[in-house]
Amino acid sequence: MRVRATAAVTAEPADPPAVVTGVRSLRVPARVDDALRALLVLAGAPSLAPVKMTELSRIEGLSPRFLSTVMVALRDKGLVHSQRGAAGGYWLARPADQITVSDVYDAVDVRDPVMLRRSRVTGALWNGLEAELRSRLAAITLADLLAAPRRPPAATPDPR
């Protein structure tokens, strides 16, 4: 399984991921990364007009069928609005500075939580790290990501 690098939001299709072997990094579910990338396209759209699914999938290089399941989850959680038809598409339900990475993660991550057998020591470690990560994700908005300096995507490992 390859992990995609997050590409800058542009009108061009996403670049293929850079892969480095032997390097470990945080594993982020593809649905979360894809949802975040799609929302960044919507947040960076020059007008308030809905963005069509075909355009979202072209810009980010994602399957329209897969992306539609992600967008439905985002709509169901109140992060985007949608409209059917020739003038239809998707747009943000709230301003970009009111949607956090944590909101996106919670909306589309459908994995079942795994209960770990925890001792007092390891339980405190994992609970503390989870709380710290959640706090960091809740502090970053789509507007923050759009305002961040544009850099080429960092190389990501091939976890095989």
C-alpha atoms as a PDB file:
ATOM      1  CA  MET A   1       0.000   0.000   0.000  1.00  0.00           C
ATOM      2  CA  ARG A   2       1.340   3.414  -0.888  1.00  0.00           C
ATOM      3  CA  VAL A   3       0.595   6.564   1.056  1.00  0.00           C
ATOM      4  CA  ARG A   4      -0.107   9.615  -1.073  1.00  0.00           C
ATOM      5  CA  ALA A   5       1.643  12.909  -0.470  1.00  0.00           C
ATOM      6  CA  THR A   6      -0.731  15.808   0.035  1.00  0.00           C
ATOM      7  CA  ALA A   7      -0.543  17.922  -3.082  1.00  0.00           C
ATOM      8  CA  ALA A   8      -0.936  21.690  -3.219  1.00  0.00           C
ATOM      9  CA  VAL A   9      -4.398  22.793  -4.287  1.00  0.00           C
ATOM     10  CA  THR A  10      -4.145  23.725  -7.940  1.00  0.00           C
ATOM     11  CA  ALA A  11      -6.205  23.448 -11.071  1.00  0.00           C
ATOM     12  CA  GLU A  12      -3.844  20.749 -12.304  1.00  0.00           C
ATOM     13  CA  PRO A  13      -4.183  17.049 -11.441  1.00  0.00           C
ATOM     14  CA  ALA A  14      -2.292  15.897  -8.344  1.00  0.00           C
ATOM     15  CA  ASP A  15       1.286  14.764  -8.803  1.00  0.00           C
ATOM     16  CA  PRO A  16       2.091  11.102  -8.206  1.00  0.00           C
ATOM     17  CA  PRO A  17       3.316  10.451  -4.673  1.00  0.00           C
ATOM     18  CA  ALA A  18       6.979  10.607  -3.806  1.00  0.00           C
ATOM     19  CA  VAL A  19       7.993   7.333  -2.182  1.00  0.00           C
ATOM     20  CA  VAL A  20      10.966   6.729   0.090  1.00  0.00           C
ATOM     21  CA  THR A  21      11.766   3.264   1.363  1.00  0.00           C
ATOM     22  CA  GLY A  22      12.889   2.570   4.891  1.00  0.00           C
ATOM     23  CA  VAL A  23      11.291   5.725   6.374  1.00  0.00           C
ATOM     24  CA  ARG A  24       8.372   5.470   8.795  1.00  0.00           C
ATOM     25  CA  SER A  25       5.732   8.142   9.161  1.00  0.00           C
ATOM     26  CA  LEU A  26       2.261   8.664  10.527  1.00  0.00           C
ATOM     27  CA  ARG A  27      -0.337   6.556   8.751  1.00  0.00           C
ATOM     28  CA  VAL A  28      -3.366   8.584   7.786  1.00  0.00           C
ATOM     29  CA  PRO A  29      -6.418   6.844   6.306  1.00  0.00           C
ATOM     30  CA  ALA A  30      -6.701   7.575   2.575  1.00  0.00           C
ATOM     31  CA  ARG A  31     -10.338   8.666   3.053  1.00  0.00           C
ATOM     32  CA  VAL A  32      -9.216  11.367   5.478  1.00  0.00           C
ATOM     33  CA  ASP A  33      -6.489  12.675   3.181  1.00  0.00           C
ATOM     34  CA  ASP A  34      -8.788  12.559   0.141  1.00  0.00           C
ATOM     35  CA  ALA A  35     -11.560  14.384   2.016  1.00  0.00           C
ATOM     36  CA  LEU A  36      -9.169  17.049   3.225  1.00  0.00           C
ATOM     37  CA  ARG A  37      -7.772  17.563  -0.274  1.00  0.00           C
ATOM     38  CA  ALA A  38     -11.282  17.863  -1.757  1.00  0.00           C
ATOM     39  CA  LEU A  39     -12.300  20.365   0.918  1.00  0.00           C
ATOM     40  CA  LEU A  40      -9.187  22.422   0.216  1.00  0.00           C
ATOM     41  CA  VAL A  41     -10.215  22.588  -3.446  1.00  0.00           C
ATOM     42  CA  LEU A  42     -13.652  23.840  -2.379  1.00  0.00           C
ATOM     43  CA  ALA A  43     -12.153  26.297   0.115  1.00  0.00           C
ATOM     44  CA  GLY A  44      -9.790  27.653  -2.528  1.00  0.00           C
ATOM     45  CA  ALA A  45     -12.421  27.919  -5.265  1.00  0.00           C
ATOM     46  CA  PRO A  46     -12.451  31.459  -6.702  1.00  0.00           C
ATOM     47  CA  SER A  47     -16.238  31.773  -6.679  1.00  0.00           C
ATOM     48  CA  LEU A  48     -19.133  30.609  -4.550  1.00  0.00           C
ATOM     49  CA  ALA A  49     -20.450  28.454  -7.412  1.00  0.00           C
ATOM     50  CA  PRO A  50     -20.668  24.708  -6.690  1.00  0.00           C
ATOM     51  CA  VAL A  51     -17.680  22.634  -7.807  1.00  0.00           C
ATOM     52  CA  LYS A  52     -18.662  19.586  -9.848  1.00  0.00           C
ATOM     53  CA  MET A  53     -17.620  16.089  -8.794  1.00  0.00           C
ATOM     54  CA  THR A  54     -15.830  15.570 -12.115  1.00  0.00           C
ATOM     55  CA  GLU A  55     -13.763  18.703 -11.478  1.00  0.00           C
ATOM     56  CA  LEU A  56     -12.887  17.666  -7.911  1.00  0.00           C
ATOM     57  CA  SER A  57     -11.830  14.209  -9.045  1.00  0.00           C
ATOM     58  CA  ARG A  58      -9.798  15.603 -11.953  1.00  0.00           C
ATOM     59  CA  ILE A  59      -7.958  18.153  -9.816  1.00  0.00           C
ATOM     60  CA  GLU A  60      -7.040  15.645  -7.112  1.00  0.00           C
ATOM     61  CA  GLY A  61      -6.634  12.588  -9.356  1.00  0.00           C
ATOM     62  CA  LEU A  62      -9.254  10.566  -7.494  1.00  0.00           C
ATOM     63  CA  SER A  63     -11.882   8.153  -8.727  1.00  0.00           C
ATOM     64  CA  PRO A  64     -15.244   9.970  -8.986  1.00  0.00           C
ATOM     65  CA  ARG A  65     -16.994   6.917  -7.565  1.00  0.00           C
ATOM     66  CA  PHE A  66     -14.725   6.764  -4.505  1.00  0.00           C
ATOM     67  CA  LEU A  67     -14.763  10.523  -4.036  1.00  0.00           C
ATOM     68  CA  SER A  68     -18.566  10.551  -4.112  1.00  0.00           C
ATOM     69  CA  THR A  69     -18.677   8.289  -1.037  1.00  0.00           C
ATOM     70  CA  VAL A  70     -16.301  10.652   0.751  1.00  0.00           C
ATOM     71  CA  MET A  71     -18.359  13.704  -0.237  1.00  0.00           C
ATOM     72  CA  VAL A  72     -21.583  12.063   0.964  1.00  0.00           C
ATOM     73  CA  ALA A  73     -19.980  11.481   4.375  1.00  0.00           C
ATOM     74  CA  LEU A  74     -18.859  15.127   4.482  1.00  0.00           C
ATOM     75  CA  ARG A  75     -22.358  16.266   3.521  1.00  0.00           C
ATOM     76  CA  ASP A  76     -23.961  14.028   6.148  1.00  0.00           C
ATOM     77  CA  LYS A  77     -21.721  15.587   8.825  1.00  0.00           C
ATOM     78  CA  GLY A  78     -22.599  19.129   7.723  1.00  0.00           C
ATOM     79  CA  LEU A  79     -19.228  20.085   6.260  1.00  0.00           C
ATOM     80  CA  VAL A  80     -20.420  20.549   2.664  1.00  0.00           C
ATOM     81  CA  HIS A  81     -23.646  21.262   0.843  1.00  0.00           C
ATOM     82  CA  SER A  82     -24.524  19.681  -2.475  1.00  0.00           C
ATOM     83  CA  GLN A  83     -26.880  20.318  -5.327  1.00  0.00           C
ATOM     84  CA  ARG A  84     -27.815  17.953  -8.128  1.00  0.00           C
ATOM     85  CA  GLY A  85     -28.187  18.843 -11.768  1.00  0.00           C
ATOM     86  CA  ALA A  86     -26.329  20.748 -14.449  1.00  0.00           C
ATOM     87  CA  ALA A  87     -25.641  23.689 -12.125  1.00  0.00           C
ATOM     88  CA  GLY A  88     -24.935  21.372  -9.203  1.00  0.00           C
ATOM     89  CA  GLY A  89     -21.851  20.378  -7.293  1.00  0.00           C
ATOM     90  CA  TYR A  90     -20.394  20.832  -3.818  1.00  0.00           C
ATOM     91  CA  TRP A  91     -19.499  23.843  -1.698  1.00  0.00           C
ATOM     92  CA  LEU A  92     -18.441  24.374   1.918  1.00  0.00           C
ATOM     93  CA  ALA A  93     -21.260  24.476   4.462  1.00  0.00           C
ATOM     94  CA  ARG A  94     -19.223  26.733   6.768  1.00  0.00           C
ATOM     95  CA  PRO A  95     -16.395  29.203   6.225  1.00  0.00           C
ATOM     96  CA  ALA A  96     -12.963  27.607   5.846  1.00  0.00           C
ATOM     97  CA  ASP A  97     -11.833  29.069   9.163  1.00  0.00           C
ATOM     98  CA  GLN A  98     -14.601  27.133  10.928  1.00  0.00           C
ATOM     99  CA  ILE A  99     -13.768  23.652   9.594  1.00  0.00           C
ATOM    100  CA  THR A 100     -10.936  21.873  11.381  1.00  0.00           C
ATOM    101  CA  VAL A 101      -8.850  18.898  10.338  1.00  0.00           C
ATOM    102  CA  SER A 102     -10.398  17.105  13.319  1.00  0.00           C
ATOM    103  CA  ASP A 103     -13.886  17.740  11.862  1.00  0.00           C
ATOM    104  CA  VAL A 104     -12.787  16.155   8.585  1.00  0.00           C
ATOM    105  CA  TYR A 105     -11.154  13.190  10.313  1.00  0.00           C
ATOM    106  CA  ASP A 106     -14.251  12.498  12.415  1.00  0.00           C
ATOM    107  CA  ALA A 107     -16.552  12.824   9.385  1.00  0.00           C
ATOM    108  CA  VAL A 108     -14.883  10.272   7.134  1.00  0.00           C
ATOM    109  CA  ASP A 109     -12.795   7.892   9.243  1.00  0.00           C
ATOM    110  CA  VAL A 110     -14.942   4.755   9.324  1.00  0.00           C
ATOM    111  CA  ARG A 111     -12.455   2.366  10.870  1.00  0.00           C
ATOM    112  CA  ASP A 112     -13.534   0.566  14.017  1.00  0.00           C
ATOM    113  CA  PRO A 113     -11.450   1.620  16.999  1.00  0.00           C
ATOM    114  CA  VAL A 114      -9.135  -1.088  18.218  1.00  0.00           C
ATOM    115  CA  MET A 115      -9.079  -1.694  21.932  1.00  0.00           C
ATOM    116  CA  LEU A 116      -5.536  -2.303  23.044  1.00  0.00           C
ATOM    117  CA  ARG A 117      -4.626  -4.250  26.137  1.00  0.00           C
ATOM    118  CA  ARG A 118      -3.100  -1.450  28.089  1.00  0.00           C
ATOM    119  CA  SER A 119      -1.038  -1.444  31.204  1.00  0.00           C
ATOM    120  CA  ARG A 120      -0.976   1.683  33.344  1.00  0.00           C
ATOM    121  CA  VAL A 121       2.235   2.745  31.616  1.00  0.00           C
ATOM    122  CA  THR A 122       1.337   2.054  27.973  1.00  0.00           C
ATOM    123  CA  GLY A 123      -2.280   3.131  28.454  1.00  0.00           C
ATOM    124  CA  ALA A 124      -1.144   6.529  29.670  1.00  0.00           C
ATOM    125  CA  LEU A 125       1.266   6.768  26.739  1.00  0.00           C
ATOM    126  CA  TRP A 126      -1.332   5.991  24.032  1.00  0.00           C
ATOM    127  CA  ASN A 127      -4.100   8.032  25.661  1.00  0.00           C
ATOM    128  CA  GLY A 128      -1.777  11.015  26.019  1.00  0.00           C
ATOM    129  CA  LEU A 129      -0.597  10.809  22.416  1.00  0.00           C
ATOM    130  CA  GLU A 130      -4.164  10.498  21.150  1.00  0.00           C
ATOM    131  CA  ALA A 131      -5.260  13.529  23.191  1.00  0.00           C
ATOM    132  CA  GLU A 132      -2.282  15.544  21.913  1.00  0.00           C
ATOM    133  CA  LEU A 133      -2.974  14.595  18.289  1.00  0.00           C
ATOM    134  CA  ARG A 134      -6.686  15.395  18.612  1.00  0.00           C
ATOM    135  CA  SER A 135      -5.841  18.765  20.140  1.00  0.00           C
ATOM    136  CA  ARG A 136      -3.442  19.588  17.287  1.00  0.00           C
ATOM    137  CA  LEU A 137      -5.953  18.526  14.606  1.00  0.00           C
ATOM    138  CA  ALA A 138      -8.697  20.605  16.229  1.00  0.00           C
ATOM    139  CA  ALA A 139      -6.453  23.690  16.128  1.00  0.00           C
ATOM    140  CA  ILE A 140      -5.837  23.554  12.346  1.00  0.00           C
ATOM    141  CA  THR A 141      -8.514  24.887   9.988  1.00  0.00           C
ATOM    142  CA  LEU A 142      -8.892  24.705   6.221  1.00  0.00           C
ATOM    143  CA  ALA A 143      -8.089  28.431   6.139  1.00  0.00           C
ATOM    144  CA  ASP A 144      -4.827  27.742   7.994  1.00  0.00           C
ATOM    145  CA  LEU A 145      -3.877  25.116   5.419  1.00  0.00           C
ATOM    146  CA  LEU A 146      -4.713  27.417   2.517  1.00  0.00           C
ATOM    147  CA  ALA A 147      -2.600  30.189   4.057  1.00  0.00           C
ATOM    148  CA  ALA A 148       0.397  27.906   4.652  1.00  0.00           C
ATOM    149  CA  PRO A 149       3.396  28.455   2.357  1.00  0.00           C
ATOM    150  CA  ARG A 150       3.290  26.182  -0.664  1.00  0.00           C
ATOM    151  CA  ARG A 151       6.018  23.569  -0.666  1.00  0.00           C
ATOM    152  CA  PRO A 152       6.447  20.491  -2.811  1.00  0.00           C
ATOM    153  CA  PRO A 153       4.863  17.457  -1.130  1.00  0.00           C
ATOM    154  CA  ALA A 154       7.175  15.766   1.316  1.00  0.00           C
ATOM    155  CA  ALA A 155       8.353  12.309   0.350  1.00  0.00           C
ATOM    156  CA  THR A 156       6.290   9.630   2.008  1.00  0.00           C
ATOM    157  CA  PRO A 157       7.274   6.048   2.647  1.00  0.00           C
ATOM    158  CA  ASP A 158       6.126   2.925   0.970  1.00  0.00           C
ATOM    159  CA  PRO A 159       5.230   0.906   4.108  1.00  0.00           C
ATOM    160  CA  ARG A 160       5.738  -2.450   2.427  1.00  0.00           C
END
